[in-house]
Protein backbone atom coordinates (compact mmCIF):
# COMPACT_ATOMS: atom_id res chain seq x y z
CA LEU A 1 -31.04 42.05 -59.77
CA ALA A 2 -31.93 42.67 -55.83
CA GLN A 3 -32.43 38.35 -55.46
CA ASP A 4 -29.44 37.99 -57.18
CA GLU A 5 -27.35 40.00 -54.85
CA GLU A 6 -29.49 38.74 -51.94
CA ILE A 7 -28.36 35.21 -53.12
CA GLU A 8 -24.53 36.33 -53.60
CA ARG A 9 -24.67 37.95 -50.07
CA LEU A 10 -26.22 34.65 -48.37
CA LYS A 11 -23.48 32.14 -50.52
CA LYS A 12 -21.11 34.18 -48.88
CA VAL A 13 -22.73 33.86 -45.49
CA ASN A 14 -23.07 30.45 -46.08
CA GLU A 15 -19.34 29.94 -46.65
CA GLN A 16 -18.32 32.14 -43.95
CA LEU A 17 -20.73 29.63 -41.75
CA PHE A 18 -19.00 26.64 -43.46
CA GLU A 19 -15.88 27.64 -42.26
CA GLU A 20 -17.12 28.72 -38.72
CA ASN A 21 -18.57 25.29 -38.53
CA LYS A 22 -15.33 23.60 -40.04
CA VAL A 23 -13.31 24.96 -37.01
CA GLN A 24 -15.33 24.25 -34.35
CA LYS A 25 -15.75 20.81 -34.82
CA ILE A 26 -11.48 20.43 -35.12
CA GLU A 27 -11.72 22.00 -31.43
CA ILE A 28 -14.34 19.69 -30.40
CA ASN A 29 -12.37 17.01 -31.72
CA ASN A 30 -9.28 18.30 -30.06
CA LEU A 31 -11.05 18.73 -26.95
CA ASN A 32 -12.14 15.25 -27.21
CA SER A 33 -9.07 14.11 -27.54
CA THR A 34 -7.57 15.99 -24.88
CA ILE A 35 -10.42 14.41 -22.49
CA THR A 36 -9.54 10.86 -23.57
CA ASN A 37 -5.83 11.38 -22.69
CA ILE A 38 -6.62 12.90 -19.42
CA ASN A 39 -9.42 9.94 -18.46
CA ILE A 40 -6.23 7.65 -19.36
CA SER A 41 -3.84 9.59 -17.55
CA ASN A 42 -5.91 9.45 -14.13
CA LYS A 43 -7.09 5.83 -14.85
CA LYS A 44 -3.45 5.51 -14.87
CA LEU A 45 -2.83 7.24 -11.54
CA GLU A 46 -5.45 5.73 -9.79
CA GLU A 47 -4.04 2.36 -10.54
CA GLN A 48 -0.48 3.43 -9.09
CA ILE A 49 -2.48 4.73 -6.19
CA GLU A 50 -4.08 1.58 -5.55
CA VAL A 51 -0.49 -0.22 -5.64
CA ALA A 52 1.25 2.32 -3.63
CA SER A 53 -1.50 1.50 -0.81
CA ARG A 54 -1.00 -1.84 -0.34
CA LEU A 55 0.13 -3.25 2.86
CA GLU A 56 3.65 -4.25 2.92
CA LEU A 57 5.24 -6.96 4.62
CA LEU A 58 8.32 -5.84 6.97
CA ASP A 59 8.81 -9.22 8.36
CA VAL A 60 7.52 -12.71 9.17
CA GLU A 61 8.27 -14.76 12.24
CA VAL A 62 7.20 -18.30 13.10
CA ILE A 63 7.20 -19.07 16.72
CA GLY A 64 6.82 -23.05 17.84
CA ILE A 65 5.13 -22.96 21.22
CA PHE A 66 5.81 -26.75 22.82
CA ARG A 67 2.99 -28.61 25.51
CA ASN A 68 6.01 -27.75 28.16
CA GLY A 69 5.61 -23.98 27.28
CA SER A 70 8.72 -23.33 25.79
CA GLN A 71 9.21 -21.58 22.62
CA LYS A 72 11.92 -21.60 19.72
CA ARG A 73 11.85 -19.31 16.66
CA ASN A 74 11.63 -20.53 12.72
CA GLN A 75 13.64 -23.67 13.44
CA PHE A 76 12.22 -26.20 15.21
CA LYS A 77 12.03 -29.66 15.92
CA TYR A 78 7.77 -31.50 15.73
CA ARG A 79 8.22 -33.77 18.68
CA SER A 80 5.50 -32.04 21.40
CA LEU A 81 4.88 -28.91 19.08
CA GLU A 82 1.38 -27.72 20.23
CA ARG A 83 1.05 -24.55 18.15
CA LEU A 84 2.47 -22.12 16.01
CA ASN A 85 2.44 -18.10 16.70
CA ILE A 86 2.59 -16.44 13.43
CA ASN A 87 4.05 -12.77 13.98
CA PHE A 88 4.55 -10.51 11.32
CA ILE A 89 4.89 -6.36 10.87
CA LEU A 90 3.10 -4.30 8.13
CA GLY A 91 5.04 -1.03 7.36
CA GLU A 92 3.35 2.18 7.69
CA ASN A 93 1.37 3.19 4.58
CA ASN A 94 -0.27 7.03 4.90
CA LEU A 95 -2.03 5.73 0.90
CA ALA A 96 -3.71 2.97 2.57
CA LYS A 97 -7.46 3.24 3.22
CA ILE A 98 -8.66 3.50 6.51
CA GLU A 99 -10.64 -0.09 6.63
CA VAL A 100 -10.93 -3.36 8.13
CA LEU A 101 -9.24 -6.04 6.07
CA ASP A 102 -9.59 -9.80 5.87
CA LEU A 103 -6.30 -11.53 5.96
CA TYR A 104 -5.98 -14.98 5.35
CA ILE A 105 -2.79 -16.95 6.05
CA SER A 106 -1.92 -20.01 4.50
CA ILE A 107 0.81 -22.08 5.58
CA GLN A 108 2.38 -24.51 2.79
CA LYS A 109 3.93 -27.80 3.00
CA PRO A 110 7.37 -28.55 1.83
CA ASN A 111 5.07 -30.92 -0.74
CA GLY A 112 3.23 -27.84 -1.77
CA GLU A 113 0.01 -28.84 -0.16
CA ILE A 114 -1.68 -26.25 2.26
CA ILE A 115 -2.51 -27.22 5.59
CA TYR A 116 -6.30 -27.50 5.79
CA ASP A 117 -8.63 -28.00 9.25
CA ILE A 118 -11.88 -26.44 9.10
CA SER A 119 -12.05 -26.95 12.68
CA ASN A 120 -9.44 -24.65 13.29
CA GLY A 121 -10.91 -22.14 10.82
CA SER A 122 -9.58 -23.01 7.65
CA GLY A 123 -11.55 -22.38 4.12
CA SER A 124 -11.01 -20.86 0.83
CA PHE A 125 -11.45 -17.47 -0.90
CA THR A 126 -11.08 -16.25 -4.39
CA PHE A 127 -8.30 -14.65 -5.35
CA GLU A 128 -6.82 -13.80 -8.93
CA LYS A 129 -10.01 -15.75 -10.33
CA ARG A 130 -9.41 -18.59 -8.99
CA GLU A 131 -10.05 -20.60 -5.47
CA VAL A 132 -6.99 -20.32 -3.06
CA PHE A 133 -6.77 -22.21 0.22
CA PHE A 134 -6.23 -20.66 3.83
CA THR A 135 -5.23 -22.04 6.85
CA VAL A 136 -6.26 -19.45 9.01
CA LYS A 137 -8.12 -16.15 8.72
CA ASP A 138 -8.14 -13.17 10.74
CA GLU A 139 -8.90 -9.48 10.49
CA LEU A 140 -7.17 -6.45 10.74
CA LEU A 141 -8.30 -2.89 11.04
CA ILE A 142 -6.09 -0.58 8.67
CA ASP A 143 -5.20 3.05 10.25
CA LYS A 144 -1.94 3.68 7.99
CA SER A 145 0.47 3.13 10.77
CA GLU A 146 2.72 -0.11 11.34
CA LYS A 147 1.00 -2.78 12.77
CA LYS A 148 2.69 -5.65 14.63
CA LEU A 149 0.20 -8.62 14.37
CA SER A 150 0.38 -12.20 15.87
CA VAL A 151 -1.94 -15.22 14.58
CA ASN A 152 -1.76 -18.77 16.79
CA TYR A 153 -3.09 -21.74 14.96
CA LEU A 154 -3.38 -24.74 16.78
CA ILE A 155 -1.71 -27.84 15.10
CA SER A 156 -4.23 -30.49 14.28
CA GLU A 157 -1.80 -32.92 12.23
CA GLU A 158 1.89 -33.86 12.19
CA PHE A 159 4.29 -31.95 10.58
CA LYS A 160 6.87 -33.34 8.58
CA LYS A 161 10.42 -32.16 8.40
CA GLY A 162 11.19 -29.52 5.89
CA SER A 163 10.86 -26.00 4.97
CA TYR A 164 7.47 -24.85 5.26
CA LEU A 165 5.98 -21.39 3.87
CA VAL A 166 3.57 -18.70 4.83
CA HIS A 167 1.91 -16.76 2.78
CA ILE A 168 -0.31 -13.53 3.74
CA TYR A 169 -3.27 -12.58 1.17
CA THR A 170 -5.91 -9.81 1.44
CA ASN A 171 -9.06 -10.78 -1.06
CA GLU A 172 -7.09 -8.36 -3.73
CA TYR A 173 -3.48 -9.34 -3.44
CA LYS A 174 -0.83 -11.29 -1.75
CA ILE A 175 0.80 -8.89 0.79
CA GLY A 176 4.30 -11.25 1.41
CA SER A 177 5.54 -14.46 2.45
CA GLY A 178 7.98 -16.28 4.89
CA GLU A 179 9.77 -19.39 5.99
CA PHE A 180 10.29 -21.64 9.00
CA LEU A 181 12.00 -25.07 9.31
CA ILE A 182 10.85 -28.29 10.95
CA LYS A 183 13.96 -30.23 11.27
């Protein structure tokens, strides 16, 4: 009789422990689900911060500098053109990391080709899993403030008439574009 009572008591304890175990498993699953949702939310926030920390191109101006020292902005004839001075302004960004970035500037001809001259520092870099050619490369210290930059390109080939595009990149994203016209 005592053993039957002990067995009955142990069965009740077993049922109680089984219910507690079941409740705790449900709580663990809920907590795991919450942790997963928080991790997804954090990843989305990190992606948004990364996008928000990108540099923004406010203005691009291309100045043609001629052999006689004269200068013209954004529209000029090729005759006696010696070099291009590419001026651009990058906006203030408080979310940007303080770092030194490589800037790649591609000058695209009217026919879509990139002006490429190894003797003037042209090359290529990987952008969005493909090789992209650049005309000139420069470095920039990002310190969250607005930046006014100027990059010179010594002309080594004849420019045909038409509209030329200037694309500015970092390794990770395209900052922006501008254009100039050769008459």
